[in-house]
Protein backbone atom coordinates (compact mmCIF):
# COMPACT_ATOMS: atom_id res chain seq x y z
CA MET A 1 9.86 11.55 3.99
CA GLU A 2 11.38 9.56 6.34
CA ARG A 3 13.51 6.67 5.27
CA ARG A 4 14.59 5.34 8.03
CA ALA A 5 13.38 1.59 8.41
CA ASP A 6 11.64 0.57 11.88
CA THR A 7 12.00 -2.43 13.42
CA ASP A 8 9.85 -4.70 10.94
CA GLY A 9 12.33 -3.59 8.04
CA LEU A 10 9.94 -1.55 6.47
CA GLY A 11 10.56 2.22 5.88
CA ALA A 12 8.67 5.18 6.30
CA ARG A 13 7.27 5.10 2.97
CA GLU A 14 6.27 1.54 2.88
CA ARG A 15 4.56 1.77 6.43
CA GLY A 16 2.53 4.93 4.61
CA VAL A 17 1.39 2.77 1.92
CA LEU A 18 0.18 -0.03 4.01
CA ALA A 19 -1.65 2.77 5.96
CA LEU A 20 -3.17 4.64 3.50
CA GLU A 21 -4.59 0.69 2.51
CA ARG A 22 -6.39 0.55 5.84
CA ARG A 23 -8.38 3.53 5.24
CA GLY A 24 -11.90 4.06 3.21
CA PHE A 25 -12.26 6.91 0.94
CA ALA A 26 -15.70 8.52 -0.21
CA GLY A 27 -15.86 10.17 -3.50
CA ALA A 28 -14.07 10.06 -6.60
CA GLY A 29 -10.34 11.13 -6.62
CA ALA A 30 -10.00 11.36 -2.80
CA LYS A 31 -7.56 8.50 -2.60
CA GLU A 32 -5.56 9.45 -5.64
CA ARG A 33 -5.51 12.89 -3.72
CA ALA A 34 -4.19 11.44 -0.40
CA ILE A 35 -1.69 9.64 -2.31
CA ARG A 36 -0.47 12.87 -3.70
CA GLU A 37 -0.78 14.73 -0.57
CA GLU A 38 0.33 12.26 2.29
CA LEU A 39 2.80 10.59 0.63
CA ASP A 40 4.26 12.77 -2.46
CA LEU A 41 4.11 10.19 -4.66
CA SER A 42 2.30 9.64 -8.31
CA PRO A 43 -0.73 7.19 -7.89
CA VAL A 44 1.38 5.28 -10.50
CA ARG A 45 4.22 4.82 -8.44
CA TYR A 46 1.94 4.35 -5.58
CA TYR A 47 0.45 1.08 -6.90
CA GLN A 48 4.13 0.12 -8.27
CA LEU A 49 5.18 0.41 -4.70
CA LEU A 50 1.82 -1.21 -3.19
CA ASN A 51 2.25 -4.19 -5.49
CA ALA A 52 6.04 -5.24 -4.63
CA LEU A 53 4.66 -4.69 -0.98
CA LEU A 54 2.16 -7.71 -1.45
CA ASP A 55 4.98 -10.00 -2.10
CA ASP A 56 7.01 -8.85 0.69
CA PRO A 57 7.21 -10.64 3.73
CA ARG A 58 8.26 -7.94 6.07
CA ALA A 59 5.02 -5.90 4.88
CA LEU A 60 2.94 -9.57 5.59
CA ALA A 61 4.52 -9.31 9.18
CA HIS A 62 3.39 -5.47 9.65
CA ASP A 63 -0.30 -5.85 8.67
CA PRO A 64 -1.16 -9.27 7.73
CA VAL A 65 -5.13 -8.43 7.54
CA THR A 66 -4.10 -5.33 5.07
CA VAL A 67 -1.80 -7.46 3.08
CA ASN A 68 -3.85 -10.60 2.81
CA ARG A 69 -7.20 -9.04 1.71
CA LEU A 70 -5.38 -7.02 -0.99
CA ARG A 71 -3.83 -10.08 -2.30
CA ARG A 72 -7.06 -11.67 -2.69
CA VAL A 73 -8.37 -8.49 -4.70
CA ARG A 74 -5.02 -9.25 -7.12
CA GLU A 75 -5.77 -12.83 -7.21
CA ALA A 76 -9.39 -12.13 -7.78
CA ARG A 77 -8.30 -9.75 -10.53
CA ARG A 78 -5.87 -11.80 -12.35
CA ALA A 79 -8.66 -14.79 -12.66
CA GLU A 80 -11.05 -12.36 -14.50
CA ARG A 81 -8.22 -12.19 -17.26
């Protein structure tokens, strides 16, 4: 996958992770399959990258709706612990 940064400073992989998170998935395993096939990542690595992106101001500038939604989900899960 291409590693060149776009004008927002995010690489193609980072933009791909955010794009995948914008989509809805039906059925068990569909998201994990898409992660492997489209991004060539293991699900564990995908979620590591996603978690780092949620704290990256470039990701927030690129896709504020998705990043803010995922931040709220992350904070709700942390509050449950």
